[in-house]
Amino acid sequence: MNQMSSKPSDPNPVDTARPRGQIWILVAVFFAPLVIAFILYYGVEGWMPSGQTNHGELIHPPRPVPAASLPSIDGELPASTWKGKWTLVYVGSGTCDARCHEALILMRQTRLALNDDLPRVQRLFLATDHCCDRSYLQAEHAGLLIGKLDEASAAEVSEVFQNATREPLAEAGRIYIVDPLGNLMMSYPREAEPKGLLVDLKKLLKLSHIG
């Protein structure tokens, strides 16, 4: 009596499609908050939510910061510095004048006021020259990242910030926000309301679960 050979049955198309669909659902859940944040802050031509307010100046379109290492006072900051966290950036002379002190304190206090969201935000001082007043920075701003824009290898990064506002970097005294994907997206002139930085940042962190 001949035995019939058994062949594994072909997988059910529905069964193979289900895991693939679940993956796309997870991707959508992960990225949707950041997409919403981009829409609300960057805007879409022809549509903008009514009553939308922000205290900083939008940089539209957002400008990607070059994925390159940056010279620092202790070697270099890796290219990954710009990715994975929201970054508060101040650009100015490394001698750190009164405006520099004011801006760095605002960045520090704004981050502290985020409470549970504090780890999602980092601070970066980009020195355009005369880097740096180490004694002041180490005593008052522990954990502050410091990059140097006065070297040729930092030219591309310097150009991104320069082109964002069309002002001399060392004189503008601006604070900037870079998103977790490495996009320069907002700036705050020296006359901006200090509390506005915290209000905007809280809104961004609430809308986005990335970073």
N, C-alpha and C. Protein backbone atom coordinates (compact mmCIF):
# COMPACT_ATOMS: atom_id res chain seq x y z
N MET A 1 0.85 -1.18 0.00
CA MET A 1 0.00 0.00 0.00
C MET A 1 0.90 1.24 0.00
N ASN A 2 0.67 2.06 -1.00
CA ASN A 2 1.52 3.24 -1.14
C ASN A 2 1.14 4.30 -0.10
N GLN A 3 2.20 4.84 0.50
CA GLN A 3 1.96 5.92 1.46
C GLN A 3 1.99 7.26 0.74
N MET A 4 1.05 8.11 1.07
CA MET A 4 1.00 9.43 0.43
C MET A 4 1.97 10.37 1.14
N SER A 5 2.83 10.99 0.36
CA SER A 5 3.79 11.93 0.97
C SER A 5 3.06 13.21 1.38
N SER A 6 3.44 13.68 2.55
CA SER A 6 2.79 14.90 3.04
C SER A 6 3.61 16.12 2.68
N LYS A 7 2.96 17.16 2.25
CA LYS A 7 3.61 18.41 1.86
C LYS A 7 3.11 19.52 2.76
N PRO A 8 4.01 20.33 3.27
CA PRO A 8 3.53 21.42 4.11
C PRO A 8 2.60 22.33 3.32
N SER A 9 1.54 22.68 3.92
CA SER A 9 0.57 23.52 3.21
C SER A 9 1.13 24.93 3.05
N ASP A 10 0.72 25.60 1.99
CA ASP A 10 1.17 26.97 1.75
C ASP A 10 0.60 27.88 2.84
N PRO A 11 1.40 28.85 3.27
CA PRO A 11 0.92 29.74 4.33
C PRO A 11 -0.29 30.53 3.86
N ASN A 12 -1.17 30.72 4.77
CA ASN A 12 -2.36 31.49 4.48
C ASN A 12 -1.97 32.94 4.24
N PRO A 13 -2.38 33.53 3.10
CA PRO A 13 -2.01 34.93 2.82
C PRO A 13 -2.44 35.88 3.93
N VAL A 14 -3.57 35.55 4.56
CA VAL A 14 -4.04 36.42 5.65
C VAL A 14 -3.07 36.38 6.82
N ASP A 15 -2.52 35.14 7.09
CA ASP A 15 -1.58 35.00 8.21
C ASP A 15 -0.29 35.77 7.97
N THR A 16 0.19 35.78 6.72
CA THR A 16 1.45 36.50 6.42
C THR A 16 1.25 37.99 6.39
N ALA A 17 0.04 38.41 6.02
CA ALA A 17 -0.21 39.85 5.93
C ALA A 17 -0.37 40.48 7.31
N ARG A 18 -0.85 39.67 8.28
CA ARG A 18 -1.13 40.21 9.60
C ARG A 18 0.11 40.76 10.30
N PRO A 19 1.24 40.01 10.36
CA PRO A 19 2.45 40.58 11.01
C PRO A 19 2.94 41.83 10.31
N ARG A 20 2.84 41.83 8.97
CA ARG A 20 3.31 43.00 8.24
C ARG A 20 2.45 44.22 8.59
N GLY A 21 1.16 44.00 8.70
CA GLY A 21 0.27 45.10 9.07
C GLY A 21 0.55 45.61 10.46
N GLN A 22 0.87 44.70 11.37
CA GLN A 22 1.17 45.11 12.74
C GLN A 22 2.42 45.97 12.81
N ILE A 23 3.40 45.63 11.98
CA ILE A 23 4.64 46.42 11.94
C ILE A 23 4.34 47.85 11.51
N TRP A 24 3.52 48.00 10.47
CA TRP A 24 3.20 49.34 9.98
C TRP A 24 2.39 50.13 11.01
N ILE A 25 1.55 49.44 11.76
CA ILE A 25 0.80 50.11 12.82
C ILE A 25 1.75 50.65 13.88
N LEU A 26 2.76 49.84 14.27
CA LEU A 26 3.73 50.27 15.26
C LEU A 26 4.54 51.47 14.76
N VAL A 27 4.92 51.43 13.48
CA VAL A 27 5.66 52.55 12.89
C VAL A 27 4.82 53.82 12.94
N ALA A 28 3.54 53.68 12.59
CA ALA A 28 2.65 54.84 12.58
C ALA A 28 2.48 55.42 13.98
N VAL A 29 2.31 54.54 14.97
CA VAL A 29 2.14 55.00 16.35
C VAL A 29 3.39 55.73 16.85
N PHE A 30 4.56 55.24 16.43
CA PHE A 30 5.83 55.82 16.89
C PHE A 30 6.07 57.19 16.27
N PHE A 31 5.80 57.34 14.97
CA PHE A 31 6.16 58.57 14.27
C PHE A 31 5.04 59.60 14.20
N ALA A 32 3.80 59.17 14.43
CA ALA A 32 2.68 60.10 14.29
C ALA A 32 2.82 61.35 15.15
N PRO A 33 3.22 61.24 16.44
CA PRO A 33 3.32 62.45 17.25
C PRO A 33 4.32 63.47 16.70
N LEU A 34 5.45 62.98 16.17
CA LEU A 34 6.43 63.91 15.62
C LEU A 34 5.91 64.56 14.35
N VAL A 35 5.20 63.79 13.53
CA VAL A 35 4.61 64.35 12.30
C VAL A 35 3.62 65.45 12.66
N ILE A 36 2.80 65.19 13.69
CA ILE A 36 1.83 66.20 14.13
C ILE A 36 2.55 67.46 14.61
N ALA A 37 3.63 67.26 15.36
CA ALA A 37 4.40 68.41 15.85
C ALA A 37 4.96 69.21 14.69
N PHE A 38 5.45 68.52 13.67
CA PHE A 38 5.98 69.22 12.49
C PHE A 38 4.89 70.03 11.82
N ILE A 39 3.68 69.45 11.68
CA ILE A 39 2.59 70.15 11.01
C ILE A 39 2.19 71.39 11.79
N LEU A 40 2.09 71.24 13.12
CA LEU A 40 1.65 72.36 13.94
C LEU A 40 2.66 73.49 13.98
N TYR A 41 3.96 73.14 13.92
CA TYR A 41 4.97 74.18 14.05
C TYR A 41 5.51 74.65 12.71
N TYR A 42 5.70 73.74 11.75
CA TYR A 42 6.23 74.16 10.48
C TYR A 42 5.12 74.64 9.56
N GLY A 43 3.91 74.07 9.73
CA GLY A 43 2.79 74.47 8.90
C GLY A 43 2.81 73.77 7.55
N VAL A 44 1.65 73.71 6.95
CA VAL A 44 1.49 73.17 5.60
C VAL A 44 0.86 74.26 4.77
N GLU A 45 1.34 74.46 3.58
CA GLU A 45 0.85 75.54 2.74
C GLU A 45 -0.66 75.42 2.57
N GLY A 46 -1.37 76.49 2.85
CA GLY A 46 -2.81 76.49 2.70
C GLY A 46 -3.55 76.04 3.95
N TRP A 47 -2.82 75.61 5.00
CA TRP A 47 -3.50 75.18 6.22
C TRP A 47 -2.65 75.50 7.42
N MET A 48 -3.28 76.05 8.44
CA MET A 48 -2.60 76.32 9.70
C MET A 48 -3.66 76.33 10.77
N PRO A 49 -3.48 75.58 11.86
CA PRO A 49 -4.51 75.54 12.87
C PRO A 49 -4.82 76.91 13.44
N SER A 50 -6.13 77.20 13.61
CA SER A 50 -6.53 78.50 14.11
C SER A 50 -6.07 78.66 15.55
N GLY A 51 -5.67 79.88 15.88
CA GLY A 51 -5.25 80.15 17.25
C GLY A 51 -3.86 79.64 17.57
N GLN A 52 -3.12 79.16 16.55
CA GLN A 52 -1.78 78.64 16.83
C GLN A 52 -0.87 79.78 17.26
N THR A 53 -0.16 79.61 18.35
CA THR A 53 0.78 80.62 18.82
C THR A 53 2.09 79.95 19.18
N ASN A 54 3.16 80.63 18.88
CA ASN A 54 4.47 80.21 19.35
C ASN A 54 5.25 81.47 19.66
N HIS A 55 6.14 81.37 20.60
CA HIS A 55 6.87 82.55 21.08
C HIS A 55 8.18 82.75 20.33
N GLY A 56 8.74 81.69 19.81
CA GLY A 56 9.96 81.81 19.03
C GLY A 56 9.65 82.07 17.56
N GLU A 57 10.69 82.29 16.79
CA GLU A 57 10.54 82.50 15.35
C GLU A 57 10.78 81.18 14.62
N LEU A 58 9.78 80.77 13.83
CA LEU A 58 9.91 79.54 13.08
C LEU A 58 10.96 79.68 11.99
N ILE A 59 11.75 78.65 11.81
CA ILE A 59 12.69 78.59 10.70
C ILE A 59 12.06 77.68 9.66
N HIS A 60 11.57 78.27 8.60
CA HIS A 60 10.78 77.53 7.61
C HIS A 60 11.38 77.72 6.22
N PRO A 61 11.74 76.62 5.56
CA PRO A 61 11.67 75.25 6.06
C PRO A 61 12.78 75.00 7.10
N PRO A 62 12.61 73.99 7.94
CA PRO A 62 13.67 73.66 8.91
C PRO A 62 14.95 73.29 8.19
N ARG A 63 16.08 73.58 8.80
CA ARG A 63 17.38 73.37 8.15
C ARG A 63 18.15 72.24 8.84
N PRO A 64 18.43 71.17 8.12
CA PRO A 64 19.18 70.06 8.72
C PRO A 64 20.60 70.50 9.11
N VAL A 65 21.00 70.19 10.33
CA VAL A 65 22.37 70.45 10.77
C VAL A 65 23.25 69.33 10.21
N PRO A 66 24.36 69.66 9.57
CA PRO A 66 25.22 68.62 8.98
C PRO A 66 25.60 67.54 9.99
N ALA A 67 25.48 66.29 9.56
CA ALA A 67 25.83 65.15 10.42
C ALA A 67 27.34 64.97 10.40
N ALA A 68 28.02 65.83 11.12
CA ALA A 68 29.48 65.78 11.18
C ALA A 68 29.92 66.09 12.60
N SER A 69 31.08 65.56 12.99
CA SER A 69 31.60 65.86 14.32
C SER A 69 31.98 67.34 14.39
N LEU A 70 31.98 67.86 15.59
CA LEU A 70 32.22 69.28 15.80
C LEU A 70 33.35 69.47 16.80
N PRO A 71 34.32 70.34 16.51
CA PRO A 71 35.40 70.57 17.48
C PRO A 71 34.83 71.08 18.81
N SER A 72 35.44 70.63 19.89
CA SER A 72 35.00 71.09 21.22
C SER A 72 36.22 71.40 22.06
N ILE A 73 36.01 71.85 23.28
CA ILE A 73 37.15 72.21 24.13
C ILE A 73 37.88 70.98 24.64
N ASP A 74 37.25 69.82 24.55
CA ASP A 74 37.87 68.59 25.03
C ASP A 74 37.99 67.53 23.94
N GLY A 75 38.20 67.97 22.70
CA GLY A 75 38.32 67.02 21.59
C GLY A 75 37.30 67.30 20.52
N GLU A 76 36.21 66.53 20.52
CA GLU A 76 35.17 66.78 19.54
C GLU A 76 33.82 66.25 20.03
N LEU A 77 32.77 66.87 19.50
CA LEU A 77 31.42 66.37 19.73
C LEU A 77 31.06 65.49 18.55
N PRO A 78 30.60 64.26 18.78
CA PRO A 78 30.30 63.36 17.67
C PRO A 78 29.10 63.84 16.86
N ALA A 79 28.99 63.34 15.63
CA ALA A 79 27.87 63.70 14.77
C ALA A 79 26.53 63.34 15.40
N SER A 80 26.54 62.31 16.24
CA SER A 80 25.30 61.85 16.88
C SER A 80 24.78 62.85 17.93
N THR A 81 25.57 63.88 18.23
CA THR A 81 25.14 64.89 19.21
C THR A 81 23.81 65.52 18.82
N TRP A 82 23.59 65.68 17.52
CA TRP A 82 22.40 66.36 17.03
C TRP A 82 21.17 65.46 16.98
N LYS A 83 21.33 64.19 17.22
CA LYS A 83 20.22 63.24 17.04
C LYS A 83 19.75 62.66 18.37
N GLY A 84 18.46 62.42 18.45
CA GLY A 84 17.90 61.69 19.59
C GLY A 84 17.38 62.53 20.73
N LYS A 85 17.76 63.81 20.80
CA LYS A 85 17.28 64.70 21.86
C LYS A 85 16.93 66.06 21.26
N TRP A 86 16.06 66.77 21.97
CA TRP A 86 15.85 68.17 21.64
C TRP A 86 17.05 68.94 22.18
N THR A 87 17.56 69.86 21.38
CA THR A 87 18.77 70.59 21.77
C THR A 87 18.52 72.09 21.82
N LEU A 88 18.79 72.69 22.98
CA LEU A 88 18.78 74.14 23.11
C LEU A 88 20.19 74.63 22.82
N VAL A 89 20.31 75.56 21.89
CA VAL A 89 21.62 76.01 21.43
C VAL A 89 21.75 77.52 21.61
N TYR A 90 22.88 77.94 22.18
CA TYR A 90 23.22 79.36 22.17
C TYR A 90 24.49 79.53 21.36
N VAL A 91 24.51 80.55 20.49
CA VAL A 91 25.67 80.83 19.66
C VAL A 91 26.22 82.21 20.02
N GLY A 92 27.51 82.27 20.35
CA GLY A 92 28.12 83.55 20.70
C GLY A 92 29.59 83.40 21.00
N SER A 93 30.22 84.49 21.34
CA SER A 93 31.65 84.48 21.63
C SER A 93 31.93 83.66 22.89
N GLY A 94 33.06 82.94 22.86
CA GLY A 94 33.45 82.11 23.99
C GLY A 94 33.83 82.90 25.23
N THR A 95 34.05 84.21 25.10
CA THR A 95 34.32 85.03 26.28
C THR A 95 33.09 85.17 27.17
N CYS A 96 31.92 84.90 26.59
CA CYS A 96 30.64 84.85 27.30
C CYS A 96 30.34 86.16 28.03
N ASP A 97 29.78 87.11 27.28
CA ASP A 97 29.42 88.41 27.84
C ASP A 97 28.10 88.32 28.61
N ALA A 98 27.53 89.48 28.95
CA ALA A 98 26.31 89.51 29.76
C ALA A 98 25.16 88.78 29.07
N ARG A 99 25.01 88.97 27.76
CA ARG A 99 23.93 88.28 27.04
C ARG A 99 24.15 86.78 27.06
N CYS A 100 25.39 86.35 26.92
CA CYS A 100 25.72 84.93 26.98
C CYS A 100 25.33 84.35 28.33
N HIS A 101 25.68 85.04 29.41
CA HIS A 101 25.31 84.58 30.75
C HIS A 101 23.80 84.44 30.87
N GLU A 102 23.11 85.45 30.39
CA GLU A 102 21.64 85.46 30.46
C GLU A 102 21.04 84.29 29.69
N ALA A 103 21.55 84.05 28.48
CA ALA A 103 21.01 82.99 27.63
C ALA A 103 21.29 81.60 28.20
N LEU A 104 22.50 81.39 28.69
CA LEU A 104 22.85 80.08 29.24
C LEU A 104 22.06 79.77 30.51
N ILE A 105 21.83 80.80 31.32
CA ILE A 105 21.01 80.61 32.52
C ILE A 105 19.57 80.28 32.13
N LEU A 106 19.05 80.98 31.13
CA LEU A 106 17.69 80.70 30.66
C LEU A 106 17.56 79.27 30.15
N MET A 107 18.54 78.82 29.38
CA MET A 107 18.52 77.45 28.88
C MET A 107 18.57 76.44 30.02
N ARG A 108 19.43 76.71 31.00
CA ARG A 108 19.55 75.81 32.15
C ARG A 108 18.25 75.73 32.95
N GLN A 109 17.67 76.89 33.25
CA GLN A 109 16.46 76.93 34.06
C GLN A 109 15.25 76.39 33.30
N THR A 110 15.21 76.62 32.00
CA THR A 110 14.12 76.08 31.19
C THR A 110 14.16 74.56 31.21
N ARG A 111 15.34 73.99 31.06
CA ARG A 111 15.47 72.52 31.08
C ARG A 111 15.07 71.97 32.45
N LEU A 112 15.51 72.61 33.53
CA LEU A 112 15.17 72.15 34.87
C LEU A 112 13.66 72.19 35.11
N ALA A 113 12.98 73.16 34.50
CA ALA A 113 11.54 73.32 34.69
C ALA A 113 10.73 72.25 33.97
N LEU A 114 11.38 71.44 33.14
CA LEU A 114 10.67 70.39 32.42
C LEU A 114 10.37 69.17 33.28
N ASN A 115 10.99 69.10 34.44
CA ASN A 115 10.76 68.00 35.40
C ASN A 115 11.01 66.64 34.76
N ASP A 116 9.98 65.82 34.58
CA ASP A 116 10.16 64.46 34.08
C ASP A 116 10.71 64.43 32.66
N ASP A 117 10.48 65.49 31.89
CA ASP A 117 10.96 65.54 30.51
C ASP A 117 12.39 66.07 30.40
N LEU A 118 12.99 66.40 31.53
CA LEU A 118 14.35 66.96 31.53
C LEU A 118 15.36 66.11 30.73
N PRO A 119 15.36 64.77 30.85
CA PRO A 119 16.34 63.97 30.11
C PRO A 119 16.19 64.03 28.59
N ARG A 120 15.07 64.52 28.11
CA ARG A 120 14.84 64.57 26.66
C ARG A 120 15.49 65.79 26.01
N VAL A 121 16.05 66.68 26.83
CA VAL A 121 16.59 67.94 26.33
C VAL A 121 18.04 68.10 26.77
N GLN A 122 18.88 68.59 25.86
CA GLN A 122 20.28 68.88 26.17
C GLN A 122 20.58 70.33 25.80
N ARG A 123 21.68 70.85 26.34
CA ARG A 123 22.09 72.23 26.09
C ARG A 123 23.44 72.26 25.39
N LEU A 124 23.57 73.17 24.42
CA LEU A 124 24.81 73.26 23.64
C LEU A 124 25.18 74.73 23.45
N PHE A 125 26.42 75.06 23.77
CA PHE A 125 26.96 76.39 23.54
C PHE A 125 27.92 76.31 22.37
N LEU A 126 27.63 77.04 21.29
CA LEU A 126 28.51 77.08 20.13
C LEU A 126 29.30 78.39 20.18
N ALA A 127 30.60 78.29 20.41
CA ALA A 127 31.45 79.47 20.54
C ALA A 127 32.00 79.88 19.19
N THR A 128 31.75 81.13 18.82
CA THR A 128 32.22 81.62 17.52
C THR A 128 33.69 82.01 17.55
N ASP A 129 34.22 82.33 18.73
CA ASP A 129 35.64 82.71 18.85
C ASP A 129 36.02 82.72 20.34
N HIS A 130 37.31 82.90 20.59
CA HIS A 130 37.84 83.05 21.97
C HIS A 130 37.28 82.00 22.93
N CYS A 131 37.25 80.77 22.50
CA CYS A 131 36.70 79.71 23.35
C CYS A 131 37.72 79.27 24.41
N CYS A 132 37.45 79.24 25.64
CA CYS A 132 36.18 79.53 26.28
C CYS A 132 36.45 79.90 27.74
N ASP A 133 35.52 80.52 28.38
CA ASP A 133 35.63 80.87 29.80
C ASP A 133 35.31 79.62 30.62
N ARG A 134 36.30 78.73 30.73
CA ARG A 134 36.07 77.42 31.36
C ARG A 134 35.63 77.55 32.82
N SER A 135 36.24 78.44 33.56
CA SER A 135 35.93 78.53 34.99
C SER A 135 34.46 78.86 35.21
N TYR A 136 33.93 79.80 34.44
CA TYR A 136 32.52 80.16 34.57
C TYR A 136 31.62 79.02 34.11
N LEU A 137 31.91 78.46 32.95
CA LEU A 137 31.06 77.42 32.38
C LEU A 137 31.03 76.16 33.26
N GLN A 138 32.17 75.78 33.80
CA GLN A 138 32.21 74.59 34.64
C GLN A 138 31.53 74.81 35.98
N ALA A 139 31.64 76.02 36.51
CA ALA A 139 31.05 76.31 37.82
C ALA A 139 29.54 76.48 37.75
N GLU A 140 29.05 77.09 36.69
CA GLU A 140 27.64 77.45 36.62
C GLU A 140 26.79 76.58 35.69
N HIS A 141 27.43 75.83 34.80
CA HIS A 141 26.65 75.13 33.77
C HIS A 141 27.15 73.70 33.55
N ALA A 142 27.14 72.93 34.61
CA ALA A 142 27.55 71.53 34.52
C ALA A 142 26.66 70.80 33.52
N GLY A 143 27.29 69.98 32.68
CA GLY A 143 26.55 69.22 31.69
C GLY A 143 26.34 69.93 30.38
N LEU A 144 26.73 71.20 30.30
CA LEU A 144 26.60 71.96 29.07
C LEU A 144 27.59 71.45 28.03
N LEU A 145 27.10 71.13 26.83
CA LEU A 145 27.98 70.74 25.72
C LEU A 145 28.55 72.01 25.09
N ILE A 146 29.81 71.95 24.67
CA ILE A 146 30.46 73.13 24.11
C ILE A 146 31.12 72.76 22.78
N GLY A 147 30.75 73.47 21.74
CA GLY A 147 31.35 73.27 20.42
C GLY A 147 32.01 74.55 19.94
N LYS A 148 32.99 74.41 19.05
CA LYS A 148 33.74 75.57 18.55
C LYS A 148 33.44 75.77 17.06
N LEU A 149 33.00 76.97 16.73
CA LEU A 149 32.69 77.29 15.34
C LEU A 149 33.82 78.03 14.64
N ASP A 150 34.93 78.27 15.35
CA ASP A 150 36.01 79.07 14.77
C ASP A 150 37.06 78.21 14.07
N GLU A 151 36.76 76.95 13.81
CA GLU A 151 37.68 76.09 13.08
C GLU A 151 37.05 75.68 11.74
N ALA A 152 37.91 75.43 10.76
CA ALA A 152 37.43 75.15 9.41
C ALA A 152 36.47 73.96 9.37
N SER A 153 36.70 72.97 10.21
CA SER A 153 35.87 71.77 10.19
C SER A 153 34.44 72.04 10.67
N ALA A 154 34.22 73.22 11.24
CA ALA A 154 32.87 73.56 11.73
C ALA A 154 32.15 74.52 10.79
N ALA A 155 32.73 74.78 9.63
CA ALA A 155 32.18 75.79 8.72
C ALA A 155 30.75 75.47 8.27
N GLU A 156 30.47 74.20 7.99
CA GLU A 156 29.14 73.83 7.50
C GLU A 156 28.08 74.05 8.58
N VAL A 157 28.41 73.70 9.82
CA VAL A 157 27.48 73.92 10.92
C VAL A 157 27.25 75.41 11.13
N SER A 158 28.32 76.18 11.11
CA SER A 158 28.21 77.63 11.28
C SER A 158 27.32 78.24 10.21
N GLU A 159 27.46 77.76 8.98
CA GLU A 159 26.68 78.30 7.86
C GLU A 159 25.19 78.06 8.04
N VAL A 160 24.82 76.89 8.57
CA VAL A 160 23.40 76.58 8.78
C VAL A 160 22.78 77.59 9.73
N PHE A 161 23.44 77.87 10.86
CA PHE A 161 22.90 78.81 11.83
C PHE A 161 22.93 80.24 11.28
N GLN A 162 23.97 80.57 10.54
CA GLN A 162 24.07 81.90 9.95
C GLN A 162 22.94 82.15 8.96
N ASN A 163 22.67 81.19 8.10
CA ASN A 163 21.65 81.35 7.07
C ASN A 163 20.23 81.32 7.62
N ALA A 164 20.07 80.77 8.80
CA ALA A 164 18.72 80.65 9.38
C ALA A 164 18.11 82.00 9.71
N THR A 165 18.95 82.97 10.12
CA THR A 165 18.43 84.27 10.54
C THR A 165 19.07 85.45 9.80
N ARG A 166 20.10 85.19 9.02
CA ARG A 166 20.78 86.24 8.26
C ARG A 166 21.32 87.35 9.16
N GLU A 167 21.82 86.97 10.33
CA GLU A 167 22.43 87.92 11.25
C GLU A 167 23.83 87.45 11.62
N PRO A 168 24.73 88.37 11.97
CA PRO A 168 26.05 87.94 12.45
C PRO A 168 25.89 87.08 13.70
N LEU A 169 26.41 85.87 13.66
CA LEU A 169 26.18 84.93 14.76
C LEU A 169 26.66 85.45 16.10
N ALA A 170 27.85 86.01 16.12
CA ALA A 170 28.43 86.44 17.39
C ALA A 170 27.68 87.60 18.01
N GLU A 171 26.94 88.35 17.20
CA GLU A 171 26.26 89.54 17.70
C GLU A 171 24.76 89.32 17.92
N ALA A 172 24.20 88.28 17.32
CA ALA A 172 22.75 88.09 17.38
C ALA A 172 22.26 87.73 18.77
N GLY A 173 23.04 86.93 19.51
CA GLY A 173 22.64 86.55 20.86
C GLY A 173 21.39 85.71 20.91
N ARG A 174 21.19 84.85 19.92
CA ARG A 174 19.97 84.06 19.82
C ARG A 174 20.11 82.69 20.50
N ILE A 175 18.97 82.18 20.95
CA ILE A 175 18.84 80.79 21.38
C ILE A 175 18.08 80.06 20.29
N TYR A 176 18.49 78.83 19.99
CA TYR A 176 17.87 78.04 18.92
C TYR A 176 17.37 76.71 19.49
N ILE A 177 16.41 76.12 18.79
CA ILE A 177 15.96 74.75 19.09
C ILE A 177 16.25 73.88 17.89
N VAL A 178 16.93 72.75 18.14
CA VAL A 178 17.17 71.72 17.12
C VAL A 178 16.38 70.49 17.54
N ASP A 179 15.59 69.92 16.63
CA ASP A 179 14.74 68.79 16.98
C ASP A 179 15.54 67.48 17.02
N PRO A 180 14.94 66.38 17.49
CA PRO A 180 15.68 65.12 17.64
C PRO A 180 16.15 64.48 16.34
N LEU A 181 15.67 64.98 15.21
CA LEU A 181 16.14 64.48 13.92
C LEU A 181 17.29 65.32 13.37
N GLY A 182 17.70 66.34 14.13
CA GLY A 182 18.83 67.17 13.71
C GLY A 182 18.44 68.35 12.85
N ASN A 183 17.18 68.83 12.95
CA ASN A 183 16.72 69.96 12.16
C ASN A 183 16.66 71.23 13.01
N LEU A 184 17.30 72.28 12.55
CA LEU A 184 17.20 73.58 13.18
C LEU A 184 15.83 74.15 12.84
N MET A 185 14.97 74.39 13.86
CA MET A 185 13.58 74.69 13.55
C MET A 185 12.99 75.93 14.23
N MET A 186 13.64 76.45 15.26
CA MET A 186 13.14 77.67 15.90
C MET A 186 14.30 78.49 16.43
N SER A 187 14.07 79.81 16.54
CA SER A 187 15.09 80.67 17.15
C SER A 187 14.41 81.74 17.99
N TYR A 188 15.15 82.24 18.97
CA TYR A 188 14.64 83.23 19.91
C TYR A 188 15.62 84.40 19.99
N PRO A 189 15.22 85.58 19.51
CA PRO A 189 16.10 86.75 19.61
C PRO A 189 16.23 87.19 21.05
N ARG A 190 17.19 88.03 21.33
CA ARG A 190 17.46 88.43 22.71
C ARG A 190 16.28 89.16 23.35
N GLU A 191 15.42 89.79 22.54
CA GLU A 191 14.28 90.51 23.10
C GLU A 191 13.05 89.62 23.30
N ALA A 192 13.15 88.33 22.98
CA ALA A 192 12.01 87.42 23.14
C ALA A 192 11.67 87.24 24.62
N GLU A 193 10.38 87.01 24.89
CA GLU A 193 9.93 86.77 26.26
C GLU A 193 10.58 85.50 26.79
N PRO A 194 11.33 85.56 27.90
CA PRO A 194 12.04 84.38 28.40
C PRO A 194 11.14 83.17 28.65
N LYS A 195 9.94 83.39 29.19
CA LYS A 195 9.04 82.27 29.50
C LYS A 195 8.54 81.59 28.23
N GLY A 196 8.62 82.30 27.11
CA GLY A 196 8.14 81.72 25.85
C GLY A 196 8.90 80.49 25.43
N LEU A 197 10.19 80.44 25.76
CA LEU A 197 11.00 79.27 25.41
C LEU A 197 10.45 78.03 26.10
N LEU A 198 10.12 78.14 27.37
CA LEU A 198 9.58 77.01 28.12
C LEU A 198 8.21 76.60 27.58
N VAL A 199 7.37 77.57 27.29
CA VAL A 199 6.03 77.27 26.77
C VAL A 199 6.12 76.50 25.46
N ASP A 200 6.95 76.98 24.54
CA ASP A 200 7.10 76.32 23.25
C ASP A 200 7.69 74.93 23.40
N LEU A 201 8.70 74.81 24.24
CA LEU A 201 9.38 73.53 24.39
C LEU A 201 8.45 72.49 25.01
N LYS A 202 7.67 72.88 26.00
CA LYS A 202 6.71 71.96 26.60
C LYS A 202 5.71 71.46 25.57
N LYS A 203 5.28 72.36 24.70
CA LYS A 203 4.31 71.98 23.67
C LYS A 203 4.93 70.98 22.70
N LEU A 204 6.15 71.23 22.31
CA LEU A 204 6.84 70.32 21.39
C LEU A 204 7.03 68.94 22.02
N LEU A 205 7.44 68.90 23.27
CA LEU A 205 7.66 67.62 23.95
C LEU A 205 6.35 66.87 24.14
N LYS A 206 5.28 67.59 24.35
CA LYS A 206 3.98 66.94 24.51
C LYS A 206 3.51 66.33 23.20
N LEU A 207 3.76 67.03 22.09
CA LEU A 207 3.30 66.55 20.79
C LEU A 207 4.16 65.42 20.23
N SER A 208 5.42 65.38 20.62
CA SER A 208 6.34 64.38 20.07
C SER A 208 6.84 63.44 21.14
N HIS A 209 6.82 62.14 20.82
CA HIS A 209 7.36 61.13 21.73
C HIS A 209 8.77 60.69 21.31
N ILE A 210 9.32 61.37 20.31
CA ILE A 210 10.68 61.07 19.87
C ILE A 210 11.62 62.04 20.55
N GLY A 211 12.72 61.54 21.02
CA GLY A 211 13.68 62.40 21.70
C GLY A 211 13.34 62.57 23.16
